C-alpha atoms as a PDB file:
ATOM      1  CA  MET A   1       0.031  -0.072   0.048  1.00  0.00           C
ATOM      2  CA  HIS A   2       2.849   2.473   0.726  1.00  0.00           C
ATOM      3  CA  LYS A   3       4.086   1.945  -2.875  1.00  0.00           C
ATOM      4  CA  ILE A   4       0.739   2.532  -4.340  1.00  0.00           C
ATOM      5  CA  SER A   5       0.443   5.686  -2.285  1.00  0.00           C
ATOM      6  CA  LEU A   6       3.750   6.888  -3.637  1.00  0.00           C
ATOM      7  CA  PHE A   7       2.563   6.138  -7.008  1.00  0.00           C
ATOM      8  CA  LEU A   8      -0.709   7.949  -7.153  1.00  0.00           C
ATOM      9  CA  ALA A   9      -1.815  11.465  -6.021  1.00  0.00           C
ATOM     10  CA  SER A  10      -4.885  11.604  -3.793  1.00  0.00           C
ATOM     11  CA  ALA A  11      -8.035  10.389  -5.525  1.00  0.00           C
ATOM     12  CA  ALA A  12     -10.244  13.445  -6.746  1.00  0.00           C
ATOM     13  CA  ALA A  13     -12.860  14.495  -4.182  1.00  0.00           C
ATOM     14  CA  SER A  14     -15.487  14.804  -6.928  1.00  0.00           C
ATOM     15  CA  ALA A  15     -15.683  10.982  -7.284  1.00  0.00           C
ATOM     16  CA  ALA A  16     -17.539  11.106  -4.024  1.00  0.00           C
ATOM     17  CA  LEU A  17     -20.598  12.289  -5.911  1.00  0.00           C
ATOM     18  CA  ILE A  18     -21.298   8.721  -7.160  1.00  0.00           C
ATOM     19  CA  SER A  19     -20.493   6.814  -4.079  1.00  0.00           C
ATOM     20  CA  GLY A  20     -22.820   5.193  -1.670  1.00  0.00           C
ATOM     21  CA  PRO A  21     -25.800   3.019  -1.953  1.00  0.00           C
ATOM     22  CA  LEU A  22     -27.742   5.596  -3.947  1.00  0.00           C
ATOM     23  CA  ALA A  23     -25.763   4.699  -6.986  1.00  0.00           C
ATOM     24  CA  PHE A  24     -27.985   1.535  -7.224  1.00  0.00           C
ATOM     25  CA  ALA A  25     -30.587   3.890  -8.611  1.00  0.00           C
ATOM     26  CA  GLN A  26     -28.702   3.691 -12.045  1.00  0.00           C
ATOM     27  CA  GLU A  27     -28.546  -0.123 -12.210  1.00  0.00           C
ATOM     28  CA  PRO A  28     -31.149  -1.813 -14.753  1.00  0.00           C
ATOM     29  CA  LYS A  29     -34.523  -2.533 -13.107  1.00  0.00           C
ATOM     30  CA  ALA A  30     -34.864  -6.077 -11.966  1.00  0.00           C
ATOM     31  CA  LYS A  31     -38.236  -7.923 -11.933  1.00  0.00           C
ATOM     32  CA  PRO A  32     -39.865  -7.387  -8.514  1.00  0.00           C
ATOM     33  CA  THR A  33     -39.754 -10.393  -6.201  1.00  0.00           C
ATOM     34  CA  LYS A  34     -42.175 -11.273  -3.451  1.00  0.00           C
ATOM     35  CA  SER A  35     -41.055 -10.873   0.255  1.00  0.00           C
ATOM     36  CA  GLU A  36     -40.417 -14.118   1.771  1.00  0.00           C
ATOM     37  CA  ALA A  37     -41.035 -12.758   5.245  1.00  0.00           C
ATOM     38  CA  PRO A  38     -43.953 -14.173   7.094  1.00  0.00           C
ATOM     39  CA  SER A  39     -46.888 -11.786   7.433  1.00  0.00           C
ATOM     40  CA  LYS A  40     -47.783 -10.238  10.768  1.00  0.00           C
ATOM     41  CA  GLY A  41     -50.256  -7.854   9.249  1.00  0.00           C
ATOM     42  CA  LYS A  42     -50.889  -5.629   6.347  1.00  0.00           C
ATOM     43  CA  ASP A  43     -47.720  -4.192   4.989  1.00  0.00           C
ATOM     44  CA  LEU A  44     -47.525  -0.389   4.706  1.00  0.00           C
ATOM     45  CA  TYR A  45     -44.900  -0.081   2.132  1.00  0.00           C
ATOM     46  CA  SER A  46     -44.625  -0.664  -1.605  1.00  0.00           C
ATOM     47  CA  GLN A  47     -42.732  -3.681  -3.082  1.00  0.00           C
ATOM     48  CA  SER A  48     -40.267  -1.448  -4.788  1.00  0.00           C
ATOM     49  CA  TYR A  49     -39.198   0.093  -1.274  1.00  0.00           C
ATOM     50  CA  PHE A  50     -38.651  -3.551  -0.056  1.00  0.00           C
ATOM     51  CA  ASP A  51     -36.726  -4.657  -3.105  1.00  0.00           C
ATOM     52  CA  PHE A  52     -34.398  -1.511  -3.069  1.00  0.00           C
ATOM     53  CA  MET A  53     -33.587  -1.754   0.590  1.00  0.00           C
ATOM     54  CA  LEU A  54     -33.020  -5.417   0.540  1.00  0.00           C
ATOM     55  CA  LYS A  55     -30.686  -4.700  -2.435  1.00  0.00           C
ATOM     56  CA  GLN A  56     -28.863  -2.241  -0.310  1.00  0.00           C
ATOM     57  CA  ARG A  57     -28.437  -4.576   2.541  1.00  0.00           C
ATOM     58  CA  THR A  58     -27.139  -7.485   0.429  1.00  0.00           C
ATOM     59  CA  ALA A  59     -24.764  -5.348  -1.346  1.00  0.00           C
ATOM     60  CA  GLN A  60     -23.296  -4.235   2.020  1.00  0.00           C
ATOM     61  CA  GLY A  61     -22.462  -7.866   2.571  1.00  0.00           C
ATOM     62  CA  GLN A  62     -25.515  -9.174   4.516  1.00  0.00           C
ATOM     63  CA  PRO A  63     -26.715 -12.626   3.280  1.00  0.00           C
ATOM     64  CA  ASP A  64     -30.305 -12.633   1.829  1.00  0.00           C
ATOM     65  CA  SER A  65     -32.195 -14.570   4.557  1.00  0.00           C
ATOM     66  CA  PRO A  66     -35.518 -14.776   6.010  1.00  0.00           C
ATOM     67  CA  GLU A  67     -34.021 -13.014   9.040  1.00  0.00           C
ATOM     68  CA  LEU A  68     -32.824 -10.035   6.828  1.00  0.00           C
ATOM     69  CA  ARG A  69     -36.113  -9.796   4.974  1.00  0.00           C
ATOM     70  CA  ASN A  70     -38.069  -9.827   8.259  1.00  0.00           C
ATOM     71  CA  ALA A  71     -35.686  -6.938   9.579  1.00  0.00           C
ATOM     72  CA  VAL A  72     -36.283  -5.070   6.308  1.00  0.00           C
ATOM     73  CA  ARG A  73     -40.110  -5.536   6.561  1.00  0.00           C
ATOM     74  CA  ASP A  74     -40.065  -4.364  10.050  1.00  0.00           C
ATOM     75  CA  GLU A  75     -37.927  -1.187   9.313  1.00  0.00           C
ATOM     76  CA  LEU A  76     -40.107  -0.268   6.523  1.00  0.00           C
ATOM     77  CA  ASN A  77     -43.356  -0.630   8.418  1.00  0.00           C
ATOM     78  CA  THR A  78     -41.821   1.325  11.269  1.00  0.00           C
ATOM     79  CA  ARG A  79     -40.654   4.081   9.113  1.00  0.00           C
ATOM     80  CA  GLU A  80     -44.203   4.477   7.447  1.00  0.00           C
ATOM     81  CA  LEU A  81     -45.867   4.636  10.981  1.00  0.00           C
ATOM     82  CA  LEU A  82     -43.484   7.320  12.160  1.00  0.00           C
ATOM     83  CA  VAL A  83     -43.883   9.252   8.750  1.00  0.00           C
ATOM     84  CA  ARG A  84     -47.623   9.196   9.490  1.00  0.00           C
ATOM     85  CA  GLU A  85     -47.236  10.430  12.960  1.00  0.00           C
ATOM     86  CA  ALA A  86     -44.665  13.246  11.662  1.00  0.00           C
ATOM     87  CA  LYS A  87     -47.522  14.343   9.047  1.00  0.00           C
ATOM     88  CA  LYS A  88     -50.062  14.449  11.684  1.00  0.00           C
ATOM     89  CA  GLN A  89     -47.900  17.079  13.405  1.00  0.00           C
ATOM     90  CA  GLY A  90     -47.495  18.861  10.170  1.00  0.00           C
ATOM     91  CA  LEU A  91     -43.761  18.510  10.376  1.00  0.00           C
ATOM     92  CA  GLU A  92     -43.448  18.250   6.640  1.00  0.00           C
ATOM     93  CA  LYS A  93     -44.508  21.726   6.491  1.00  0.00           C
ATOM     94  CA  ASN A  94     -41.770  22.965   8.814  1.00  0.00           C
ATOM     95  CA  PRO A  95     -39.537  25.134   6.864  1.00  0.00           C
ATOM     96  CA  ALA A  96     -36.305  23.712   8.018  1.00  0.00           C
ATOM     97  CA  VAL A  97     -37.474  20.000   7.602  1.00  0.00           C
ATOM     98  CA  LYS A  98     -38.966  20.935   4.094  1.00  0.00           C
ATOM     99  CA  THR A  99     -35.436  22.403   3.261  1.00  0.00           C
ATOM    100  CA  GLU A 100     -33.516  19.240   4.421  1.00  0.00           C
ATOM    101  CA  MET A 101     -36.114  17.057   2.573  1.00  0.00           C
ATOM    102  CA  ASP A 102     -35.404  19.161  -0.768  1.00  0.00           C
ATOM    103  CA  LEU A 103     -31.616  18.958  -0.306  1.00  0.00           C
ATOM    104  CA  THR A 104     -31.850  15.283   0.247  1.00  0.00           C
ATOM    105  CA  SER A 105     -33.842  14.927  -3.008  1.00  0.00           C
ATOM    106  CA  GLN A 106     -31.261  17.077  -4.817  1.00  0.00           C
ATOM    107  CA  THR A 107     -28.443  14.763  -3.517  1.00  0.00           C
ATOM    108  CA  VAL A 108     -30.316  11.644  -5.070  1.00  0.00           C
ATOM    109  CA  LEU A 109     -30.646  13.379  -8.316  1.00  0.00           C
ATOM    110  CA  VAL A 110     -27.105  14.686  -8.420  1.00  0.00           C
ATOM    111  CA  ARG A 111     -25.721  11.308  -7.723  1.00  0.00           C
ATOM    112  CA  ALA A 112     -28.015   9.659 -10.386  1.00  0.00           C
ATOM    113  CA  PHE A 113     -27.157  12.072 -12.931  1.00  0.00           C
ATOM    114  CA  MET A 114     -23.432  11.692 -12.315  1.00  0.00           C
ATOM    115  CA  ALA A 115     -23.526   7.863 -12.191  1.00  0.00           C
ATOM    116  CA  ASP A 116     -25.143   8.265 -15.791  1.00  0.00           C
ATOM    117  CA  TYR A 117     -22.531  10.686 -16.903  1.00  0.00           C
ATOM    118  CA  ILE A 118     -19.545   8.354 -15.854  1.00  0.00           C
ATOM    119  CA  LYS A 119     -21.402   5.404 -17.407  1.00  0.00           C
ATOM    120  CA  ALA A 120     -21.597   7.434 -20.738  1.00  0.00           C
ATOM    121  CA  HIS A 121     -18.026   8.609 -20.529  1.00  0.00           C
ATOM    122  CA  PRO A 122     -16.031   5.287 -19.624  1.00  0.00           C
ATOM    123  CA  VAL A 123     -12.168   5.288 -19.243  1.00  0.00           C
ATOM    124  CA  SER A 124     -10.562   2.780 -21.505  1.00  0.00           C
ATOM    125  CA  ASP A 125      -7.598   0.591 -20.669  1.00  0.00           C
ATOM    126  CA  ASP A 126      -5.480   2.392 -23.117  1.00  0.00           C
ATOM    127  CA  GLN A 127      -6.069   5.722 -21.337  1.00  0.00           C
ATOM    128  CA  LEU A 128      -5.348   4.193 -17.972  1.00  0.00           C
ATOM    129  CA  ARG A 129      -2.195   2.576 -19.331  1.00  0.00           C
ATOM    130  CA  LYS A 130      -1.081   5.893 -20.720  1.00  0.00           C
ATOM    131  CA  GLU A 131      -1.625   7.454 -17.481  1.00  0.00           C
ATOM    132  CA  TYR A 132       0.383   4.521 -15.760  1.00  0.00           C
ATOM    133  CA  ASP A 133       3.288   5.018 -18.144  1.00  0.00           C
ATOM    134  CA  THR A 134       3.392   8.819 -17.611  1.00  0.00           C
ATOM    135  CA  ILE A 135       3.385   8.403 -13.790  1.00  0.00           C
ATOM    136  CA  LYS A 136       5.850   5.799 -14.057  1.00  0.00           C
ATOM    137  CA  SER A 137       8.355   7.799 -16.082  1.00  0.00           C
ATOM    138  CA  GLN A 138       8.007  10.690 -13.505  1.00  0.00           C
ATOM    139  CA  ILE A 139       8.901   8.374 -10.616  1.00  0.00           C
ATOM    140  CA  GLY A 140      12.095   7.271 -12.449  1.00  0.00           C
ATOM    141  CA  ASP A 141      14.063   4.080 -11.757  1.00  0.00           C
ATOM    142  CA  LYS A 142      15.646   4.893  -8.471  1.00  0.00           C
ATOM    143  CA  GLU A 143      14.408   5.733  -4.934  1.00  0.00           C
ATOM    144  CA  TYR A 144      16.460   7.646  -2.302  1.00  0.00           C
ATOM    145  CA  LYS A 145      16.617   7.403   1.370  1.00  0.00           C
ATOM    146  CA  VAL A 146      17.363  10.941   2.384  1.00  0.00           C
ATOM    147  CA  ARG A 147      17.410  13.115   5.530  1.00  0.00           C
ATOM    148  CA  HIS A 148      17.300  16.869   5.824  1.00  0.00           C
ATOM    149  CA  ILE A 149      17.294  19.802   8.355  1.00  0.00           C
ATOM    150  CA  LEU A 150      15.228  22.744   7.434  1.00  0.00           C
ATOM    151  CA  VAL A 151      15.719  26.158   8.837  1.00  0.00           C
ATOM    152  CA  ASP A 152      14.627  29.639   8.186  1.00  0.00           C
ATOM    153  CA  LYS A 153      17.824  31.375   7.454  1.00  0.00           C
ATOM    154  CA  GLU A 154      20.751  30.662   5.147  1.00  0.00           C
ATOM    155  CA  ASP A 155      23.354  31.314   8.112  1.00  0.00           C
ATOM    156  CA  GLU A 156      21.766  28.685  10.141  1.00  0.00           C
ATOM    157  CA  ALA A 157      22.053  26.218   7.454  1.00  0.00           C
ATOM    158  CA  LYS A 158      25.672  27.128   7.118  1.00  0.00           C
ATOM    159  CA  GLU A 159      26.263  26.775  10.921  1.00  0.00           C
ATOM    160  CA  ILE A 160      24.802  23.168  10.726  1.00  0.00           C
ATOM    161  CA  ILE A 161      26.943  22.313   7.866  1.00  0.00           C
ATOM    162  CA  ALA A 162      29.965  23.440   9.816  1.00  0.00           C
ATOM    163  CA  ALA A 163      28.847  21.376  12.722  1.00  0.00           C
ATOM    164  CA  LEU A 164      28.606  18.403  10.398  1.00  0.00           C
ATOM    165  CA  GLN A 165      32.026  19.058   8.956  1.00  0.00           C
ATOM    166  CA  LYS A 166      33.544  18.931  12.532  1.00  0.00           C
ATOM    167  CA  GLY A 167      31.974  15.452  13.058  1.00  0.00           C
ATOM    168  CA  GLU A 168      28.567  16.217  14.866  1.00  0.00           C
ATOM    169  CA  LYS A 169      25.950  13.775  14.166  1.00  0.00           C
ATOM    170  CA  PHE A 170      23.100  14.715  11.639  1.00  0.00           C
ATOM    171  CA  GLU A 171      20.505  13.074  13.778  1.00  0.00           C
ATOM    172  CA  LYS A 172      21.497  15.370  16.765  1.00  0.00           C
ATOM    173  CA  LEU A 173      21.561  18.452  14.686  1.00  0.00           C
ATOM    174  CA  ALA A 174      18.098  17.635  13.155  1.00  0.00           C
ATOM    175  CA  GLU A 175      16.516  18.747  16.566  1.00  0.00           C
ATOM    176  CA  ARG A 176      17.060  22.131  15.174  1.00  0.00           C
ATOM    177  CA  SER A 177      14.733  21.450  12.168  1.00  0.00           C
ATOM    178  CA  LYS A 178      11.494  23.175  11.828  1.00  0.00           C
ATOM    179  CA  ASP A 179      10.136  20.262   9.975  1.00  0.00           C
ATOM    180  CA  THR A 180       8.384  18.676  13.000  1.00  0.00           C
ATOM    181  CA  GLY A 181       7.555  15.586  10.958  1.00  0.00           C
ATOM    182  CA  SER A 182      10.973  14.430  10.335  1.00  0.00           C
ATOM    183  CA  LYS A 183      13.041  16.128  13.083  1.00  0.00           C
ATOM    184  CA  ILE A 184      11.862  13.542  15.637  1.00  0.00           C
ATOM    185  CA  ASN A 185      13.383  10.877  13.372  1.00  0.00           C
ATOM    186  CA  GLY A 186      16.698  12.574  12.949  1.00  0.00           C
ATOM    187  CA  GLY A 187      15.435  14.368   9.708  1.00  0.00           C
ATOM    188  CA  ASP A 188      14.748  10.884   8.097  1.00  0.00           C
ATOM    189  CA  LEU A 189      12.266  11.380   5.045  1.00  0.00           C
ATOM    190  CA  ASP A 190      12.276   7.766   4.254  1.00  0.00           C
ATOM    191  CA  TRP A 191      12.502   6.247   0.744  1.00  0.00           C
ATOM    192  CA  ASN A 192      11.144   8.551  -2.107  1.00  0.00           C
ATOM    193  CA  ALA A 193      11.322   9.067  -5.716  1.00  0.00           C
ATOM    194  CA  PRO A 194      12.678  12.492  -6.856  1.00  0.00           C
ATOM    195  CA  ALA A 195       9.223  13.476  -8.195  1.00  0.00           C
ATOM    196  CA  ASN A 196       7.976  13.558  -4.519  1.00  0.00           C
ATOM    197  CA  PHE A 197      10.137  16.666  -3.821  1.00  0.00           C
ATOM    198  CA  VAL A 198      10.218  20.122  -5.231  1.00  0.00           C
ATOM    199  CA  LYS A 199      12.724  20.433  -7.918  1.00  0.00           C
ATOM    200  CA  PRO A 200      15.571  22.354  -6.183  1.00  0.00           C
ATOM    201  CA  PHE A 201      15.526  19.722  -3.511  1.00  0.00           C
ATOM    202  CA  SER A 202      15.401  16.683  -5.755  1.00  0.00           C
ATOM    203  CA  GLU A 203      18.074  18.051  -8.109  1.00  0.00           C
ATOM    204  CA  VAL A 204      20.720  18.234  -5.429  1.00  0.00           C
ATOM    205  CA  MET A 205      19.531  15.008  -3.771  1.00  0.00           C
ATOM    206  CA  VAL A 206      20.199  12.844  -6.880  1.00  0.00           C
ATOM    207  CA  SER A 207      23.709  14.534  -7.243  1.00  0.00           C
ATOM    208  CA  LEU A 208      24.822  13.450  -3.778  1.00  0.00           C
ATOM    209  CA  GLN A 209      26.909  10.376  -3.363  1.00  0.00           C
ATOM    210  CA  LYS A 210      25.681   7.940  -0.613  1.00  0.00           C
ATOM    211  CA  GLY A 211      26.565   8.996   3.034  1.00  0.00           C
ATOM    212  CA  LYS A 212      27.424  12.545   1.948  1.00  0.00           C
ATOM    213  CA  PHE A 213      25.589  15.688   2.956  1.00  0.00           C
ATOM    214  CA  THR A 214      25.397  19.184   1.140  1.00  0.00           C
ATOM    215  CA  THR A 215      28.120  21.495   1.694  1.00  0.00           C
ATOM    216  CA  THR A 216      26.125  24.387   0.827  1.00  0.00           C
ATOM    217  CA  PRO A 217      22.614  25.214   1.809  1.00  0.00           C
ATOM    218  CA  VAL A 218      19.640  24.425  -0.437  1.00  0.00           C
ATOM    219  CA  GLN A 219      16.894  26.919  -0.960  1.00  0.00           C
ATOM    220  CA  THR A 220      13.345  26.047  -1.474  1.00  0.00           C
ATOM    221  CA  GLN A 221      10.181  27.841  -0.824  1.00  0.00           C
ATOM    222  CA  PHE A 222       9.945  26.094   2.478  1.00  0.00           C
ATOM    223  CA  GLY A 223      13.234  27.681   3.630  1.00  0.00           C
ATOM    224  CA  TRP A 224      16.890  26.476   3.749  1.00  0.00           C
ATOM    225  CA  HIS A 225      17.837  22.757   3.669  1.00  0.00           C
ATOM    226  CA  VAL A 226      20.863  20.641   4.630  1.00  0.00           C
ATOM    227  CA  ILE A 227      20.455  17.247   2.951  1.00  0.00           C
ATOM    228  CA  GLN A 228      22.059  13.988   3.537  1.00  0.00           C
ATOM    229  CA  LEU A 229      21.807  11.018   1.249  1.00  0.00           C
ATOM    230  CA  ASP A 230      21.758   7.737   3.188  1.00  0.00           C
ATOM    231  CA  ASP A 231      21.116   5.110   0.399  1.00  0.00           C
ATOM    232  CA  VAL A 232      19.917   4.468  -3.081  1.00  0.00           C
ATOM    233  CA  ARG A 233      18.011   1.420  -4.500  1.00  0.00           C
ATOM    234  CA  GLU A 234      16.072   0.467  -7.729  1.00  0.00           C
ATOM    235  CA  ALA A 235      12.517   1.847  -7.640  1.00  0.00           C
ATOM    236  CA  LYS A 236       9.874  -0.795  -6.915  1.00  0.00           C
ATOM    237  CA  VAL A 237       6.987   0.480  -9.034  1.00  0.00           C
ATOM    238  CA  PRO A 238       3.702  -1.385  -8.484  1.00  0.00           C
ATOM    239  CA  GLY A 239       2.352  -3.155 -11.665  1.00  0.00           C
ATOM    240  CA  PHE A 240      -0.413  -1.687 -13.833  1.00  0.00           C
ATOM    241  CA  ASP A 241      -2.985  -4.271 -12.658  1.00  0.00           C
ATOM    242  CA  GLU A 242      -2.169  -3.424  -8.986  1.00  0.00           C
ATOM    243  CA  VAL A 243      -2.966   0.153  -9.258  1.00  0.00           C
ATOM    244  CA  LYS A 244      -5.684   0.012 -12.077  1.00  0.00           C
ATOM    245  CA  PRO A 245      -8.451   0.700  -9.561  1.00  0.00           C
ATOM    246  CA  GLN A 246      -6.865   3.897  -8.280  1.00  0.00           C
ATOM    247  CA  LEU A 247      -6.004   5.059 -11.698  1.00  0.00           C
ATOM    248  CA  ALA A 248      -9.660   4.515 -12.832  1.00  0.00           C
ATOM    249  CA  GLN A 249     -10.900   6.521  -9.875  1.00  0.00           C
ATOM    250  CA  ARG A 250      -8.484   9.170 -10.390  1.00  0.00           C
ATOM    251  CA  ALA A 251      -9.554   9.365 -14.149  1.00  0.00           C
ATOM    252  CA  GLN A 252     -13.201   9.382 -13.377  1.00  0.00           C
ATOM    253  CA  GLY A 253     -12.745  12.238 -10.854  1.00  0.00           C
ATOM    254  CA  GLN A 254     -10.937  14.220 -13.594  1.00  0.00           C
ATOM    255  CA  ILE A 255     -13.838  13.521 -16.025  1.00  0.00           C
ATOM    256  CA  VAL A 256     -16.197  14.767 -13.409  1.00  0.00           C
ATOM    257  CA  GLU A 257     -14.196  18.005 -12.574  1.00  0.00           C
ATOM    258  CA  GLN A 258     -13.946  18.872 -16.109  1.00  0.00           C
ATOM    259  CA  TYR A 259     -17.629  18.559 -16.719  1.00  0.00           C
ATOM    260  CA  LEU A 260     -18.371  20.602 -13.554  1.00  0.00           C
ATOM    261  CA  ARG A 261     -16.028  23.437 -14.919  1.00  0.00           C
ATOM    262  CA  GLU A 262     -17.809  23.406 -18.067  1.00  0.00           C
ATOM    263  CA  LEU A 263     -21.077  23.428 -16.540  1.00  0.00           C
ATOM    264  CA  ARG A 264     -20.245  26.279 -14.414  1.00  0.00           C
ATOM    265  CA  SER A 265     -18.777  28.268 -17.293  1.00  0.00           C
ATOM    266  CA  ARG A 266     -21.710  27.616 -19.622  1.00  0.00           C
ATOM    267  CA  ASN A 267     -23.998  29.188 -16.665  1.00  0.00           C
ATOM    268  CA  GLY A 268     -21.804  32.048 -15.797  1.00  0.00           C
ATOM    269  CA  TYR A 269     -20.345  30.607 -12.606  1.00  0.00           C
END
């Protein structure tokens, strides 16, 4: 999983529009089936409600059993009884309740629309393969185990370099780093591909010999760095099939983002 996280950027947030059980609304309608639950009285719900909720529960991993069907039946009947009581009190006319109901209805429609849009704009294996090759080339064929000490001023970095040249330990000097995430580990940034760092940092990192540190401070937008290269190894890039699901999710998110940009532009937003 660590390698996959290095290989991919975070999945696009827009993909959440099509997540969740409501996506079942876009599946082909199956022929209704009769409930196998034993009757305790007249059911208050429609068969379509029963079929939909049963489909949700089985999709979540619950086995289709008489017990599950009984539970669904009881829940739907209880829901209907509660809805009737709420309507007796006129709660559906309450402005806040009505607004929430309208927004919930919007959510269902948005998910249904986006599910249809994604289905109509599939991502081919060729596209995914091309994206895979692009990312793979960016990663390169080597990974670097590197440490750094980050400070605000160039003079501070020079002082640290001078201390290193006198034999002081990098791990001890790393306590002066303002990178709180790595300073507790002696400045260790673990194994990374050059593409994971900003260019000024990565260019110097790949030029270092194993076990050596920079003799001049390296400036980035984050401040001034002293860098030490601990080791180098061949990159272990995950195979295409291993990351294909994440690539597909990423591509779908990009398709959705592009459509939303165009939609807003057409409507003046």
